[in-house]
Protein backbone atom coordinates (compact mmCIF):
# COMPACT_ATOMS: atom_id res chain seq x y z
CA MET A 1 -1.25 -50.73 -139.46
CA ALA A 2 2.03 -49.09 -139.05
CA PRO A 3 2.06 -45.28 -138.87
CA LYS A 4 2.97 -43.42 -141.88
CA VAL A 5 6.46 -41.89 -142.21
CA GLN A 6 6.25 -38.14 -142.77
CA LYS A 7 8.08 -36.98 -145.98
CA SER A 8 10.21 -33.64 -145.85
CA LYS A 9 9.02 -30.81 -147.85
CA GLU A 10 11.87 -31.35 -150.46
CA ALA A 11 10.91 -35.06 -150.95
CA LYS A 12 7.16 -34.05 -151.38
CA ALA A 13 8.04 -31.39 -153.93
CA LYS A 14 10.41 -33.80 -155.79
CA ALA A 15 7.62 -36.49 -156.02
CA ALA A 16 5.15 -34.07 -157.17
CA MET A 17 7.58 -33.00 -160.12
CA ALA A 18 8.34 -36.66 -160.92
CA GLY A 19 4.62 -37.76 -161.02
CA GLY A 20 1.99 -36.15 -163.22
CA LYS A 21 0.76 -36.59 -166.68
CA GLY A 22 4.02 -38.41 -168.05
CA LYS A 23 4.25 -38.26 -171.95
CA LYS A 24 1.97 -36.02 -174.02
CA LYS A 25 -0.76 -38.11 -175.90
CA LYS A 26 -0.09 -38.44 -179.50
CA TRP A 27 -2.69 -38.73 -182.18
CA ALA A 28 -3.50 -42.19 -183.43
CA LYS A 29 -1.96 -42.97 -186.99
CA GLY A 30 -4.46 -43.47 -189.68
CA LYS A 31 -4.73 -46.82 -191.50
CA THR A 32 -2.79 -46.56 -194.68
CA LYS A 33 -3.92 -48.44 -197.84
CA GLU A 34 -1.56 -50.84 -199.59
CA LYS A 35 -0.25 -49.22 -202.67
CA LEU A 36 -1.35 -51.33 -205.92
CA ASN A 37 1.16 -51.70 -208.62
CA ASN A 38 -1.17 -52.04 -211.53
CA ALA A 39 -0.10 -52.24 -215.07
CA VAL A 40 -0.56 -49.22 -217.52
CA MET A 41 -0.25 -51.16 -220.77
CA PHE A 42 -1.70 -54.54 -221.97
CA ASP A 43 0.62 -57.23 -222.64
CA LYS A 44 -0.15 -60.41 -224.51
CA SER A 45 -1.00 -62.66 -221.45
CA THR A 46 -3.17 -59.95 -219.81
CA GLN A 47 -4.98 -59.38 -223.19
CA ASP A 48 -5.58 -63.11 -223.68
CA LYS A 49 -7.00 -63.27 -220.09
CA LEU A 50 -9.12 -60.31 -220.83
CA LEU A 51 -10.77 -62.15 -223.86
CA LYS A 52 -11.22 -65.50 -222.11
CA GLU A 53 -12.22 -64.69 -218.50
CA ILE A 54 -14.02 -61.39 -218.37
CA PRO A 55 -16.89 -62.09 -220.78
CA LYS A 56 -17.87 -65.06 -218.44
CA ALA A 57 -17.99 -62.84 -215.39
CA LYS A 58 -21.52 -62.01 -213.97
CA LEU A 59 -20.67 -58.39 -213.41
CA ILE A 60 -18.23 -56.52 -215.54
CA THR A 61 -17.07 -53.02 -214.05
CA PRO A 62 -13.95 -51.23 -214.34
CA SER A 63 -13.20 -52.16 -210.53
CA VAL A 64 -13.67 -55.88 -211.23
CA ILE A 65 -11.42 -55.81 -214.49
CA SER A 66 -8.83 -53.82 -212.69
CA GLU A 67 -8.77 -56.04 -209.64
CA ARG A 68 -8.62 -59.32 -211.70
CA LEU A 69 -6.18 -58.47 -214.31
CA LYS A 70 -4.03 -55.86 -212.29
CA VAL A 71 -4.53 -53.06 -214.67
CA ASN A 72 -5.25 -49.55 -213.90
CA GLY A 73 -8.67 -48.09 -214.13
CA SER A 74 -8.34 -46.31 -217.35
CA LEU A 75 -7.17 -49.47 -218.96
CA ALA A 76 -10.27 -51.26 -217.35
CA ARG A 77 -12.55 -48.66 -218.98
CA LEU A 78 -10.90 -49.19 -222.47
CA ALA A 79 -11.10 -53.00 -222.05
CA ILE A 80 -14.89 -52.53 -221.59
CA LYS A 81 -15.27 -50.62 -224.74
CA VAL A 82 -13.19 -53.12 -226.68
CA LEU A 83 -15.38 -56.15 -225.24
CA GLU A 84 -18.51 -54.04 -226.14
CA GLY A 85 -17.28 -53.69 -229.83
CA LYS A 86 -16.77 -57.45 -230.18
């Protein structure tokens, strides 16, 4: 092996300042949920879908209705009450 070349004090100091930690570690960004754009009122097509498809479903919950018909939770709860009445 070739002998190592000695660095001057200034070169050593410069290397020590340049090295080190580098950038400060940042916190991980949390996963963001996709924003749903659900309807807040029943329109004719949604109401027809409600009366045809939902009674045939195995499980009827506000979550299922909200997901299938793209309506918000309060409308889904109201829909269950309407279906109970029929």
